[in-house]
Amino acid sequence: MEFNRLDILKIFKTAFSDIVPKVYYTDRPSSTNTQYSTFIVVKSGDMEDNGAWQDSYINLLIFAKDTDGLESTSVLDGLQKEIFNKLPITNDILFTQKPMMLESKSDGSGFHYLTIYFGIIIK
């Protein structure tokens, strides 16, 4: 069975693109022509082959622009709830399992972000 990382990332970009104006693959760009107050970065982890299926994990980094130099807690809370409302995701290619969230952190560039990660089983 072949793991196509870009196809997997596209599934999550599509799933979460109605929550924020922009979803990036793997990393956020150092600069853009458009300034977004919220966005998501979706990353895939290492793939493990388990014979009949493969498993990996997805990291979602959910960014919200700081307000008056402080975390926009209510914005991040709303985004987190919207993402958890979409999980689990199940389709012909994969299903998600065990979503977890890490504490918010500052990126040092005027945003705070939450990390939500979950396992994926590729059928």
PDB file of N, CA and C in Angstrom:
ATOM      1  N   MET A   1       0.850  -1.176   0.000  1.00  0.00           N
ATOM      2  CA  MET A   1       0.000   0.000   0.000  1.00  0.00           C
ATOM      3  C   MET A   1       0.888   1.230   0.000  1.00  0.00           C
ATOM      4  N   GLU A   2       0.554   2.211  -0.812  1.00  0.00           N
ATOM      5  CA  GLU A   2       1.354   3.418  -0.921  1.00  0.00           C
ATOM      6  C   GLU A   2       0.701   4.572  -0.174  1.00  0.00           C
ATOM      7  N   PHE A   3       1.497   5.299   0.554  1.00  0.00           N
ATOM      8  CA  PHE A   3       1.041   6.457   1.311  1.00  0.00           C
ATOM      9  C   PHE A   3       1.353   7.711   0.512  1.00  0.00           C
ATOM     10  N   ASN A   4       0.324   8.430   0.078  1.00  0.00           N
ATOM     11  CA  ASN A   4       0.526   9.676  -0.640  1.00  0.00           C
ATOM     12  C   ASN A   4       0.258  10.820   0.338  1.00  0.00           C
ATOM     13  N   ARG A   5       1.322  11.387   0.857  1.00  0.00           N
ATOM     14  CA  ARG A   5       1.228  12.419   1.889  1.00  0.00           C
ATOM     15  C   ARG A   5       0.389  13.607   1.446  1.00  0.00           C
ATOM     16  N   LEU A   6       0.557  14.065   0.221  1.00  0.00           N
ATOM     17  CA  LEU A   6      -0.191  15.226  -0.248  1.00  0.00           C
ATOM     18  C   LEU A   6      -1.692  14.937  -0.299  1.00  0.00           C
ATOM     19  N   ASP A   7      -2.080  13.757  -0.729  1.00  0.00           N
ATOM     20  CA  ASP A   7      -3.504  13.400  -0.733  1.00  0.00           C
ATOM     21  C   ASP A   7      -4.091  13.422   0.677  1.00  0.00           C
ATOM     22  N   ILE A   8      -3.319  12.950   1.646  1.00  0.00           N
ATOM     23  CA  ILE A   8      -3.770  12.963   3.037  1.00  0.00           C
ATOM     24  C   ILE A   8      -3.915  14.409   3.525  1.00  0.00           C
ATOM     25  N   LEU A   9      -2.916  15.240   3.261  1.00  0.00           N
ATOM     26  CA  LEU A   9      -2.981  16.643   3.677  1.00  0.00           C
ATOM     27  C   LEU A   9      -4.172  17.368   3.043  1.00  0.00           C
ATOM     28  N   LYS A  10      -4.459  17.053   1.781  1.00  0.00           N
ATOM     29  CA  LYS A  10      -5.598  17.682   1.097  1.00  0.00           C
ATOM     30  C   LYS A  10      -6.926  17.351   1.775  1.00  0.00           C
ATOM     31  N   ILE A  11      -7.048  16.141   2.293  1.00  0.00           N
ATOM     32  CA  ILE A  11      -8.281  15.760   2.998  1.00  0.00           C
ATOM     33  C   ILE A  11      -8.521  16.706   4.173  1.00  0.00           C
ATOM     34  N   PHE A  12      -7.474  16.992   4.917  1.00  0.00           N
ATOM     35  CA  PHE A  12      -7.632  17.847   6.096  1.00  0.00           C
ATOM     36  C   PHE A  12      -7.726  19.320   5.733  1.00  0.00           C
ATOM     37  N   LYS A  13      -7.072  19.718   4.662  1.00  0.00           N
ATOM     38  CA  LYS A  13      -7.235  21.100   4.195  1.00  0.00           C
ATOM     39  C   LYS A  13      -8.692  21.338   3.823  1.00  0.00           C
ATOM     40  N   THR A  14      -9.276  20.411   3.094  1.00  0.00           N
ATOM     41  CA  THR A  14     -10.689  20.522   2.706  1.00  0.00           C
ATOM     42  C   THR A  14     -11.594  20.488   3.927  1.00  0.00           C
ATOM     43  N   ALA A  15     -11.303  19.595   4.859  1.00  0.00           N
ATOM     44  CA  ALA A  15     -12.162  19.436   6.046  1.00  0.00           C
ATOM     45  C   ALA A  15     -12.209  20.690   6.909  1.00  0.00           C
ATOM     46  N   PHE A  16     -11.111  21.430   6.973  1.00  0.00           N
ATOM     47  CA  PHE A  16     -11.047  22.561   7.892  1.00  0.00           C
ATOM     48  C   PHE A  16     -11.034  23.926   7.204  1.00  0.00           C
ATOM     49  N   SER A  17     -11.126  23.959   5.884  1.00  0.00           N
ATOM     50  CA  SER A  17     -11.033  25.233   5.170  1.00  0.00           C
ATOM     51  C   SER A  17     -12.240  26.139   5.386  1.00  0.00           C
ATOM     52  N   ASP A  18     -13.349  25.614   5.883  1.00  0.00           N
ATOM     53  CA  ASP A  18     -14.497  26.484   6.169  1.00  0.00           C
ATOM     54  C   ASP A  18     -14.422  27.099   7.564  1.00  0.00           C
ATOM     55  N   ILE A  19     -13.408  26.741   8.339  1.00  0.00           N
ATOM     56  CA  ILE A  19     -13.241  27.275   9.689  1.00  0.00           C
ATOM     57  C   ILE A  19     -12.390  28.548   9.675  1.00  0.00           C
ATOM     58  N   VAL A  20     -11.357  28.556   8.851  1.00  0.00           N
ATOM     59  CA  VAL A  20     -10.427  29.691   8.753  1.00  0.00           C
ATOM     60  C   VAL A  20     -10.266  30.080   7.280  1.00  0.00           C
ATOM     61  N   PRO A  21      -9.789  31.300   7.017  1.00  0.00           N
ATOM     62  CA  PRO A  21      -9.639  31.719   5.623  1.00  0.00           C
ATOM     63  C   PRO A  21      -8.494  31.034   4.880  1.00  0.00           C
ATOM     64  N   LYS A  22      -7.515  30.449   5.606  1.00  0.00           N
ATOM     65  CA  LYS A  22      -6.375  29.843   4.932  1.00  0.00           C
ATOM     66  C   LYS A  22      -5.873  28.635   5.705  1.00  0.00           C
ATOM     67  N   VAL A  23      -5.613  27.539   4.981  1.00  0.00           N
ATOM     68  CA  VAL A  23      -4.988  26.347   5.551  1.00  0.00           C
ATOM     69  C   VAL A  23      -3.709  26.103   4.756  1.00  0.00           C
ATOM     70  N   TYR A  24      -2.591  26.030   5.449  1.00  0.00           N
ATOM     71  CA  TYR A  24      -1.292  25.784   4.819  1.00  0.00           C
ATOM     72  C   TYR A  24      -0.873  24.343   5.075  1.00  0.00           C
ATOM     73  N   TYR A  25      -0.064  23.812   4.148  1.00  0.00           N
ATOM     74  CA  TYR A  25       0.549  22.504   4.334  1.00  0.00           C
ATOM     75  C   TYR A  25       1.905  22.673   5.012  1.00  0.00           C
ATOM     76  N   THR A  26       2.191  21.885   5.992  1.00  0.00           N
ATOM     77  CA  THR A  26       3.485  21.676   6.623  1.00  0.00           C
ATOM     78  C   THR A  26       4.021  22.877   7.418  1.00  0.00           C
ATOM     79  N   ASP A  27       4.108  24.054   6.833  1.00  0.00           N
ATOM     80  CA  ASP A  27       4.628  25.233   7.524  1.00  0.00           C
ATOM     81  C   ASP A  27       3.875  26.463   7.068  1.00  0.00           C
ATOM     82  N   ARG A  28       3.873  27.479   7.906  1.00  0.00           N
ATOM     83  CA  ARG A  28       3.323  28.766   7.486  1.00  0.00           C
ATOM     84  C   ARG A  28       4.401  29.502   6.700  1.00  0.00           C
ATOM     85  N   PRO A  29       4.011  30.291   5.724  1.00  0.00           N
ATOM     86  CA  PRO A  29       5.017  31.043   4.976  1.00  0.00           C
ATOM     87  C   PRO A  29       5.594  32.170   5.835  1.00  0.00           C
ATOM     88  N   SER A  30       6.812  32.574   5.526  1.00  0.00           N
ATOM     89  CA  SER A  30       7.434  33.657   6.286  1.00  0.00           C
ATOM     90  C   SER A  30       6.769  34.996   5.982  1.00  0.00           C
ATOM     91  N   SER A  31       6.185  35.131   4.803  1.00  0.00           N
ATOM     92  CA  SER A  31       5.436  36.342   4.463  1.00  0.00           C
ATOM     93  C   SER A  31       4.385  35.996   3.408  1.00  0.00           C
ATOM     94  N   THR A  32       3.309  36.769   3.404  1.00  0.00           N
ATOM     95  CA  THR A  32       2.250  36.590   2.423  1.00  0.00           C
ATOM     96  C   THR A  32       1.752  37.956   1.977  1.00  0.00           C
ATOM     97  N   ASN A  33       1.059  38.005   0.855  1.00  0.00           N
ATOM     98  CA  ASN A  33       0.467  39.250   0.378  1.00  0.00           C
ATOM     99  C   ASN A  33      -0.799  39.592   1.146  1.00  0.00           C
ATOM    100  N   THR A  34      -1.430  38.583   1.737  1.00  0.00           N
ATOM    101  CA  THR A  34      -2.664  38.766   2.487  1.00  0.00           C
ATOM    102  C   THR A  34      -2.415  38.479   3.959  1.00  0.00           C
ATOM    103  N   GLN A  35      -2.884  39.375   4.809  1.00  0.00           N
ATOM    104  CA  GLN A  35      -2.761  39.176   6.251  1.00  0.00           C
ATOM    105  C   GLN A  35      -4.019  38.474   6.768  1.00  0.00           C
ATOM    106  N   TYR A  36      -3.860  37.353   7.415  1.00  0.00           N
ATOM    107  CA  TYR A  36      -4.976  36.615   7.995  1.00  0.00           C
ATOM    108  C   TYR A  36      -4.929  36.742   9.507  1.00  0.00           C
ATOM    109  N   SER A  37      -6.092  36.861  10.131  1.00  0.00           N
ATOM    110  CA  SER A  37      -6.123  36.916  11.594  1.00  0.00           C
ATOM    111  C   SER A  37      -6.200  35.516  12.193  1.00  0.00           C
ATOM    112  N   THR A  38      -6.634  34.544  11.395  1.00  0.00           N
ATOM    113  CA  THR A  38      -6.640  33.141  11.804  1.00  0.00           C
ATOM    114  C   THR A  38      -6.226  32.285  10.619  1.00  0.00           C
ATOM    115  N   PHE A  39      -5.552  31.197  10.900  1.00  0.00           N
ATOM    116  CA  PHE A  39      -5.196  30.226   9.862  1.00  0.00           C
ATOM    117  C   PHE A  39      -4.774  28.937  10.542  1.00  0.00           C
ATOM    118  N   ILE A  40      -4.676  27.880   9.741  1.00  0.00           N
ATOM    119  CA  ILE A  40      -4.283  26.559  10.237  1.00  0.00           C
ATOM    120  C   ILE A  40      -3.106  26.051   9.413  1.00  0.00           C
ATOM    121  N   VAL A  41      -2.177  25.381  10.073  1.00  0.00           N
ATOM    122  CA  VAL A  41      -1.112  24.640   9.402  1.00  0.00           C
ATOM    123  C   VAL A  41      -1.359  23.170   9.684  1.00  0.00           C
ATOM    124  N   VAL A  42      -1.425  22.353   8.624  1.00  0.00           N
ATOM    125  CA  VAL A  42      -1.646  20.912   8.787  1.00  0.00           C
ATOM    126  C   VAL A  42      -0.372  20.170   8.378  1.00  0.00           C
ATOM    127  N   LYS A  43       0.085  19.284   9.284  1.00  0.00           N
ATOM    128  CA  LYS A  43       1.309  18.506   9.075  1.00  0.00           C
ATOM    129  C   LYS A  43       1.005  17.033   9.265  1.00  0.00           C
ATOM    130  N   SER A  44       1.691  16.196   8.512  1.00  0.00           N
ATOM    131  CA  SER A  44       1.553  14.757   8.724  1.00  0.00           C
ATOM    132  C   SER A  44       2.817  14.227   9.384  1.00  0.00           C
ATOM    133  N   GLY A  45       2.652  13.155  10.140  1.00  0.00           N
ATOM    134  CA  GLY A  45       3.781  12.558  10.842  1.00  0.00           C
ATOM    135  C   GLY A  45       4.359  11.381  10.088  1.00  0.00           C
ATOM    136  N   ASP A  46       5.230  10.662  10.750  1.00  0.00           N
ATOM    137  CA  ASP A  46       5.853   9.466  10.183  1.00  0.00           C
ATOM    138  C   ASP A  46       4.794   8.400   9.928  1.00  0.00           C
ATOM    139  N   MET A  47       5.011   7.598   8.918  1.00  0.00           N
ATOM    140  CA  MET A  47       4.080   6.537   8.550  1.00  0.00           C
ATOM    141  C   MET A  47       4.616   5.200   9.048  1.00  0.00           C
ATOM    142  N   GLU A  48       3.725   4.430   9.644  1.00  0.00           N
ATOM    143  CA  GLU A  48       4.081   3.083  10.082  1.00  0.00           C
ATOM    144  C   GLU A  48       3.222   2.084   9.330  1.00  0.00           C
ATOM    145  N   ASP A  49       3.854   1.112   8.702  1.00  0.00           N
ATOM    146  CA  ASP A  49       3.143   0.084   7.949  1.00  0.00           C
ATOM    147  C   ASP A  49       2.802  -1.059   8.897  1.00  0.00           C
ATOM    148  N   ASN A  50       1.506  -1.340   9.019  1.00  0.00           N
ATOM    149  CA  ASN A  50       1.040  -2.412   9.897  1.00  0.00           C
ATOM    150  C   ASN A  50       0.415  -3.564   9.116  1.00  0.00           C
ATOM    151  N   GLY A  51       0.898  -3.803   7.920  1.00  0.00           N
ATOM    152  CA  GLY A  51       0.389  -4.908   7.109  1.00  0.00           C
ATOM    153  C   GLY A  51      -0.876  -4.539   6.369  1.00  0.00           C
ATOM    154  N   ALA A  52      -2.022  -4.755   6.991  1.00  0.00           N
ATOM    155  CA  ALA A  52      -3.303  -4.494   6.325  1.00  0.00           C
ATOM    156  C   ALA A  52      -3.617  -3.005   6.246  1.00  0.00           C
ATOM    157  N   TRP A  53      -3.002  -2.194   7.065  1.00  0.00           N
ATOM    158  CA  TRP A  53      -3.235  -0.752   7.045  1.00  0.00           C
ATOM    159  C   TRP A  53      -1.950  -0.039   7.439  1.00  0.00           C
ATOM    160  N   GLN A  54      -1.983   1.274   7.325  1.00  0.00           N
ATOM    161  CA  GLN A  54      -0.867   2.111   7.755  1.00  0.00           C
ATOM    162  C   GLN A  54      -1.401   3.110   8.764  1.00  0.00           C
ATOM    163  N   ASP A  55      -0.557   3.525   9.683  1.00  0.00           N
ATOM    164  CA  ASP A  55      -1.011   4.573  10.580  1.00  0.00           C
ATOM    165  C   ASP A  55       0.022   5.680  10.681  1.00  0.00           C
ATOM    166  N   SER A  56      -0.471   6.837  11.058  1.00  0.00           N
ATOM    167  CA  SER A  56       0.343   8.028  11.198  1.00  0.00           C
ATOM    168  C   SER A  56      -0.395   8.962  12.138  1.00  0.00           C
ATOM    169  N   TYR A  57      -0.031  10.202  12.103  1.00  0.00           N
ATOM    170  CA  TYR A  57      -0.741  11.206  12.889  1.00  0.00           C
ATOM    171  C   TYR A  57      -0.740  12.523  12.132  1.00  0.00           C
ATOM    172  N   ILE A  58      -1.643  13.385  12.526  1.00  0.00           N
ATOM    173  CA  ILE A  58      -1.767  14.717  11.944  1.00  0.00           C
ATOM    174  C   ILE A  58      -1.629  15.729  13.067  1.00  0.00           C
ATOM    175  N   ASN A  59      -0.865  16.770  12.816  1.00  0.00           N
ATOM    176  CA  ASN A  59      -0.790  17.920  13.713  1.00  0.00           C
ATOM    177  C   ASN A  59      -1.501  19.082  13.039  1.00  0.00           C
ATOM    178  N   LEU A  60      -2.415  19.692  13.749  1.00  0.00           N
ATOM    179  CA  LEU A  60      -3.040  20.934  13.300  1.00  0.00           C
ATOM    180  C   LEU A  60      -2.536  22.037  14.217  1.00  0.00           C
ATOM    181  N   LEU A  61      -1.923  23.038  13.648  1.00  0.00           N
ATOM    182  CA  LEU A  61      -1.525  24.220  14.401  1.00  0.00           C
ATOM    183  C   LEU A  61      -2.540  25.300  14.057  1.00  0.00           C
ATOM    184  N   ILE A  62      -3.298  25.748  15.051  1.00  0.00           N
ATOM    185  CA  ILE A  62      -4.393  26.697  14.850  1.00  0.00           C
ATOM    186  C   ILE A  62      -3.933  28.049  15.376  1.00  0.00           C
ATOM    187  N   PHE A  63      -3.777  29.014  14.484  1.00  0.00           N
ATOM    188  CA  PHE A  63      -3.240  30.329  14.821  1.00  0.00           C
ATOM    189  C   PHE A  63      -4.341  31.374  14.906  1.00  0.00           C
ATOM    190  N   ALA A  64      -4.221  32.267  15.890  1.00  0.00           N
ATOM    191  CA  ALA A  64      -5.100  33.431  16.017  1.00  0.00           C
ATOM    192  C   ALA A  64      -4.234  34.634  16.390  1.00  0.00           C
ATOM    193  N   LYS A  65      -4.479  35.748  15.694  1.00  0.00           N
ATOM    194  CA  LYS A  65      -3.725  36.974  15.943  1.00  0.00           C
ATOM    195  C   LYS A  65      -3.997  37.469  17.358  1.00  0.00           C
ATOM    196  N   ASP A  66      -2.923  37.880  18.034  1.00  0.00           N
ATOM    197  CA  ASP A  66      -3.050  38.409  19.385  1.00  0.00           C
ATOM    198  C   ASP A  66      -3.852  39.708  19.379  1.00  0.00           C
ATOM    199  N   THR A  67      -4.507  39.970  20.485  1.00  0.00           N
ATOM    200  CA  THR A  67      -5.254  41.212  20.684  1.00  0.00           C
ATOM    201  C   THR A  67      -4.575  41.986  21.802  1.00  0.00           C
ATOM    202  N   ASP A  68      -4.146  43.194  21.503  1.00  0.00           N
ATOM    203  CA  ASP A  68      -3.443  44.025  22.494  1.00  0.00           C
ATOM    204  C   ASP A  68      -2.262  43.290  23.122  1.00  0.00           C
ATOM    205  N   GLY A  69      -1.565  42.513  22.302  1.00  0.00           N
ATOM    206  CA  GLY A  69      -0.381  41.798  22.766  1.00  0.00           C
ATOM    207  C   GLY A  69      -0.653  40.544  23.578  1.00  0.00           C
ATOM    208  N   LEU A  70      -1.928  40.178  23.699  1.00  0.00           N
ATOM    209  CA  LEU A  70      -2.296  38.992  24.471  1.00  0.00           C
ATOM    210  C   LEU A  70      -2.991  37.966  23.588  1.00  0.00           C
ATOM    211  N   GLU A  71      -2.969  36.718  24.037  1.00  0.00           N
ATOM    212  CA  GLU A  71      -3.655  35.640  23.320  1.00  0.00           C
ATOM    213  C   GLU A  71      -5.139  35.969  23.149  1.00  0.00           C
ATOM    214  N   SER A  72      -5.652  35.727  21.960  1.00  0.00           N
ATOM    215  CA  SER A  72      -7.099  35.848  21.699  1.00  0.00           C
ATOM    216  C   SER A  72      -7.762  34.548  22.128  1.00  0.00           C
ATOM    217  N   THR A  73      -7.895  34.395  23.429  1.00  0.00           N
ATOM    218  CA  THR A  73      -8.367  33.140  24.007  1.00  0.00           C
ATOM    219  C   THR A  73      -9.731  32.740  23.465  1.00  0.00           C
ATOM    220  N   SER A  74     -10.662  33.680  23.359  1.00  0.00           N
ATOM    221  CA  SER A  74     -12.008  33.337  22.889  1.00  0.00           C
ATOM    222  C   SER A  74     -11.986  32.897  21.422  1.00  0.00           C
ATOM    223  N   VAL A  75     -11.112  33.498  20.615  1.00  0.00           N
ATOM    224  CA  VAL A  75     -11.007  33.096  19.208  1.00  0.00           C
ATOM    225  C   VAL A  75     -10.443  31.683  19.118  1.00  0.00           C
ATOM    226  N   LEU A  76      -9.344  31.416  19.821  1.00  0.00           N
ATOM    227  CA  LEU A  76      -8.755  30.076  19.805  1.00  0.00           C
ATOM    228  C   LEU A  76      -9.731  29.033  20.344  1.00  0.00           C
ATOM    229  N   ASP A  77     -10.468  29.385  21.388  1.00  0.00           N
ATOM    230  CA  ASP A  77     -11.456  28.471  21.956  1.00  0.00           C
ATOM    231  C   ASP A  77     -12.527  28.129  20.912  1.00  0.00           C
ATOM    232  N   GLY A  78     -13.012  29.134  20.196  1.00  0.00           N
ATOM    233  CA  GLY A  78     -14.024  28.891  19.163  1.00  0.00           C
ATOM    234  C   GLY A  78     -13.494  28.025  18.034  1.00  0.00           C
ATOM    235  N   LEU A  79     -12.255  28.277  17.601  1.00  0.00           N
ATOM    236  CA  LEU A  79     -11.655  27.461  16.533  1.00  0.00           C
ATOM    237  C   LEU A  79     -11.462  26.022  16.986  1.00  0.00           C
ATOM    238  N   GLN A  80     -11.000  25.857  18.227  1.00  0.00           N
ATOM    239  CA  GLN A  80     -10.799  24.516  18.767  1.00  0.00           C
ATOM    240  C   GLN A  80     -12.120  23.747  18.795  1.00  0.00           C
ATOM    241  N   LYS A  81     -13.188  24.389  19.223  1.00  0.00           N
ATOM    242  CA  LYS A  81     -14.493  23.732  19.271  1.00  0.00           C
ATOM    243  C   LYS A  81     -14.967  23.336  17.880  1.00  0.00           C
ATOM    244  N   GLU A  82     -14.762  24.217  16.901  1.00  0.00           N
ATOM    245  CA  GLU A  82     -15.183  23.899  15.524  1.00  0.00           C
ATOM    246  C   GLU A  82     -14.411  22.704  14.972  1.00  0.00           C
ATOM    247  N   ILE A  83     -13.134  22.630  15.264  1.00  0.00           N
ATOM    248  CA  ILE A  83     -12.326  21.503  14.787  1.00  0.00           C
ATOM    249  C   ILE A  83     -12.771  20.207  15.457  1.00  0.00           C
ATOM    250  N   PHE A  84     -12.945  20.235  16.765  1.00  0.00           N
ATOM    251  CA  PHE A  84     -13.376  19.019  17.463  1.00  0.00           C
ATOM    252  C   PHE A  84     -14.774  18.589  17.014  1.00  0.00           C
ATOM    253  N   ASN A  85     -15.618  19.531  16.609  1.00  0.00           N
ATOM    254  CA  ASN A  85     -16.945  19.177  16.089  1.00  0.00           C
ATOM    255  C   ASN A  85     -16.870  18.423  14.766  1.00  0.00           C
ATOM    256  N   LYS A  86     -15.781  18.587  14.020  1.00  0.00           N
ATOM    257  CA  LYS A  86     -15.610  17.891  12.740  1.00  0.00           C
ATOM    258  C   LYS A  86     -14.963  16.515  12.900  1.00  0.00           C
ATOM    259  N   LEU A  87     -14.454  16.235  14.076  1.00  0.00           N
ATOM    260  CA  LEU A  87     -13.788  14.953  14.308  1.00  0.00           C
ATOM    261  C   LEU A  87     -14.753  13.975  14.957  1.00  0.00           C
ATOM    262  N   PRO A  88     -14.663  12.710  14.694  1.00  0.00           N
ATOM    263  CA  PRO A  88     -13.690  12.057  13.823  1.00  0.00           C
ATOM    264  C   PRO A  88     -14.053  12.228  12.346  1.00  0.00           C
ATOM    265  N   ILE A  89     -13.044  12.123  11.511  1.00  0.00           N
ATOM    266  CA  ILE A  89     -13.227  12.144  10.060  1.00  0.00           C
ATOM    267  C   ILE A  89     -13.046  10.720   9.569  1.00  0.00           C
ATOM    268  N   THR A  90     -13.999  10.260   8.784  1.00  0.00           N
ATOM    269  CA  THR A  90     -13.940   8.922   8.196  1.00  0.00           C
ATOM    270  C   THR A  90     -14.317   9.032   6.733  1.00  0.00           C
ATOM    271  N   ASN A  91     -13.513   8.433   5.859  1.00  0.00           N
ATOM    272  CA  ASN A  91     -13.834   8.381   4.432  1.00  0.00           C
ATOM    273  C   ASN A  91     -13.258   7.099   3.846  1.00  0.00           C
ATOM    274  N   ASP A  92     -13.228   6.993   2.526  1.00  0.00           N
ATOM    275  CA  ASP A  92     -12.742   5.774   1.865  1.00  0.00           C
ATOM    276  C   ASP A  92     -11.242   5.555   2.048  1.00  0.00           C
ATOM    277  N   ILE A  93     -10.512   6.602   2.409  1.00  0.00           N
ATOM    278  CA  ILE A  93      -9.057   6.520   2.496  1.00  0.00           C
ATOM    279  C   ILE A  93      -8.567   6.310   3.925  1.00  0.00           C
ATOM    280  N   LEU A  94      -9.214   6.978   4.901  1.00  0.00           N
ATOM    281  CA  LEU A  94      -8.677   6.963   6.256  1.00  0.00           C
ATOM    282  C   LEU A  94      -9.759   7.220   7.286  1.00  0.00           C
ATOM    283  N   PHE A  95      -9.381   7.059   8.540  1.00  0.00           N
ATOM    284  CA  PHE A  95     -10.209   7.552   9.635  1.00  0.00           C
ATOM    285  C   PHE A  95      -9.293   8.075  10.734  1.00  0.00           C
ATOM    286  N   THR A  96      -9.822   9.037  11.495  1.00  0.00           N
ATOM    287  CA  THR A  96      -9.048   9.664  12.561  1.00  0.00           C
ATOM    288  C   THR A  96      -9.411   9.051  13.903  1.00  0.00           C
ATOM    289  N   GLN A  97      -8.490   9.191  14.856  1.00  0.00           N
ATOM    290  CA  GLN A  97      -8.756   8.656  16.189  1.00  0.00           C
ATOM    291  C   GLN A  97      -7.970   9.435  17.240  1.00  0.00           C
ATOM    292  N   LYS A  98      -8.481   9.443  18.455  1.00  0.00           N
ATOM    293  CA  LYS A  98      -7.833   9.972  19.648  1.00  0.00           C
ATOM    294  C   LYS A  98      -7.315  11.404  19.513  1.00  0.00           C
ATOM    295  N   PRO A  99      -8.199  12.374  19.224  1.00  0.00           N
ATOM    296  CA  PRO A  99      -7.708  13.756  19.159  1.00  0.00           C
ATOM    297  C   PRO A  99      -7.300  14.256  20.543  1.00  0.00           C
ATOM    298  N   MET A 100      -6.224  15.011  20.565  1.00  0.00           N
ATOM    299  CA  MET A 100      -5.716  15.594  21.809  1.00  0.00           C
ATOM    300  C   MET A 100      -5.260  17.018  21.509  1.00  0.00           C
ATOM    301  N   MET A 101      -5.183  17.819  22.558  1.00  0.00           N
ATOM    302  CA  MET A 101      -4.790  19.201  22.380  1.00  0.00           C
ATOM    303  C   MET A 101      -3.675  19.552  23.355  1.00  0.00           C
ATOM    304  N   LEU A 102      -2.724  20.351  22.874  1.00  0.00           N
ATOM    305  CA  LEU A 102      -1.644  20.854  23.710  1.00  0.00           C
ATOM    306  C   LEU A 102      -1.927  22.305  24.078  1.00  0.00           C
ATOM    307  N   GLU A 103      -1.250  22.793  25.102  1.00  0.00           N
ATOM    308  CA  GLU A 103      -1.443  24.168  25.543  1.00  0.00           C
ATOM    309  C   GLU A 103      -1.112  25.162  24.429  1.00  0.00           C
ATOM    310  N   SER A 104      -1.662  26.362  24.540  1.00  0.00           N
ATOM    311  CA  SER A 104      -1.369  27.397  23.551  1.00  0.00           C
ATOM    312  C   SER A 104       0.039  27.946  23.775  1.00  0.00           C
ATOM    313  N   LYS A 105       0.617  28.430  22.694  1.00  0.00           N
ATOM    314  CA  LYS A 105       1.957  28.999  22.743  1.00  0.00           C
ATOM    315  C   LYS A 105       2.000  30.222  21.847  1.00  0.00           C
ATOM    316  N   SER A 106       2.923  31.117  22.138  1.00  0.00           N
ATOM    317  CA  SER A 106       3.152  32.282  21.299  1.00  0.00           C
ATOM    318  C   SER A 106       4.151  31.918  20.211  1.00  0.00           C
ATOM    319  N   ASP A 107       3.932  32.450  19.011  1.00  0.00           N
ATOM    320  CA  ASP A 107       4.903  32.216  17.942  1.00  0.00           C
ATOM    321  C   ASP A 107       5.953  33.316  17.895  1.00  0.00           C
ATOM    322  N   GLY A 108       5.831  34.313  18.773  1.00  0.00           N
ATOM    323  CA  GLY A 108       6.793  35.409  18.802  1.00  0.00           C
ATOM    324  C   GLY A 108       6.590  36.438  17.700  1.00  0.00           C
ATOM    325  N   SER A 109       5.537  36.259  16.898  1.00  0.00           N
ATOM    326  CA  SER A 109       5.257  37.177  15.778  1.00  0.00           C
ATOM    327  C   SER A 109       3.842  37.733  15.836  1.00  0.00           C
ATOM    328  N   GLY A 110       3.283  37.802  17.037  1.00  0.00           N
ATOM    329  CA  GLY A 110       1.969  38.407  17.189  1.00  0.00           C
ATOM    330  C   GLY A 110       0.801  37.445  17.098  1.00  0.00           C
ATOM    331  N   PHE A 111       1.071  36.140  17.163  1.00  0.00           N
ATOM    332  CA  PHE A 111       0.032  35.122  17.127  1.00  0.00           C
ATOM    333  C   PHE A 111       0.254  34.149  18.279  1.00  0.00           C
ATOM    334  N   HIS A 112      -0.829  33.546  18.736  1.00  0.00           N
ATOM    335  CA  HIS A 112      -0.776  32.368  19.600  1.00  0.00           C
ATOM    336  C   HIS A 112      -1.362  31.213  18.796  1.00  0.00           C
ATOM    337  N   TYR A 113      -0.952  30.005  19.143  1.00  0.00           N
ATOM    338  CA  TYR A 113      -1.480  28.839  18.433  1.00  0.00           C
ATOM    339  C   TYR A 113      -1.729  27.691  19.402  1.00  0.00           C
ATOM    340  N   LEU A 114      -2.714  26.896  19.031  1.00  0.00           N
ATOM    341  CA  LEU A 114      -3.001  25.631  19.704  1.00  0.00           C
ATOM    342  C   LEU A 114      -2.543  24.515  18.789  1.00  0.00           C
ATOM    343  N   THR A 115      -2.081  23.428  19.365  1.00  0.00           N
ATOM    344  CA  THR A 115      -1.765  22.235  18.590  1.00  0.00           C
ATOM    345  C   THR A 115      -2.800  21.177  18.929  1.00  0.00           C
ATOM    346  N   ILE A 116      -3.492  20.708  17.898  1.00  0.00           N
ATOM    347  CA  ILE A 116      -4.398  19.573  18.028  1.00  0.00           C
ATOM    348  C   ILE A 116      -3.784  18.454  17.200  1.00  0.00           C
ATOM    349  N   TYR A 117      -3.646  17.304  17.800  1.00  0.00           N
ATOM    350  CA  TYR A 117      -3.106  16.181  17.041  1.00  0.00           C
ATOM    351  C   TYR A 117      -3.997  14.962  17.233  1.00  0.00           C
ATOM    352  N   PHE A 118      -3.970  14.097  16.237  1.00  0.00           N
ATOM    353  CA  PHE A 118      -4.772  12.881  16.281  1.00  0.00           C
ATOM    354  C   PHE A 118      -4.155  11.842  15.370  1.00  0.00           C
ATOM    355  N   GLY A 119      -4.413  10.598  15.704  1.00  0.00           N
ATOM    356  CA  GLY A 119      -3.951   9.506  14.887  1.00  0.00           C
ATOM    357  C   GLY A 119      -4.815   9.347  13.653  1.00  0.00           C
ATOM    358  N   ILE A 120      -4.207   8.798  12.596  1.00  0.00           N
ATOM    359  CA  ILE A 120      -4.969   8.420  11.404  1.00  0.00           C
ATOM    360  C   ILE A 120      -4.610   6.994  11.042  1.00  0.00           C
ATOM    361  N   ILE A 121      -5.615   6.268  10.645  1.00  0.00           N
ATOM    362  CA  ILE A 121      -5.434   4.920  10.102  1.00  0.00           C
ATOM    363  C   ILE A 121      -5.783   5.001   8.625  1.00  0.00           C
ATOM    364  N   ILE A 122      -4.837   4.605   7.781  1.00  0.00           N
ATOM    365  CA  ILE A 122      -5.047   4.624   6.333  1.00  0.00           C
ATOM    366  C   ILE A 122      -5.432   3.225   5.910  1.00  0.00           C
ATOM    367  N   LYS A 123      -6.595   3.144   5.284  1.00  0.00           N
ATOM    368  CA  LYS A 123      -7.179   1.841   4.936  1.00  0.00           C
ATOM    369  C   LYS A 123      -6.476   1.199   3.757  1.00  0.00           C
TER     370      LYS A 123
END
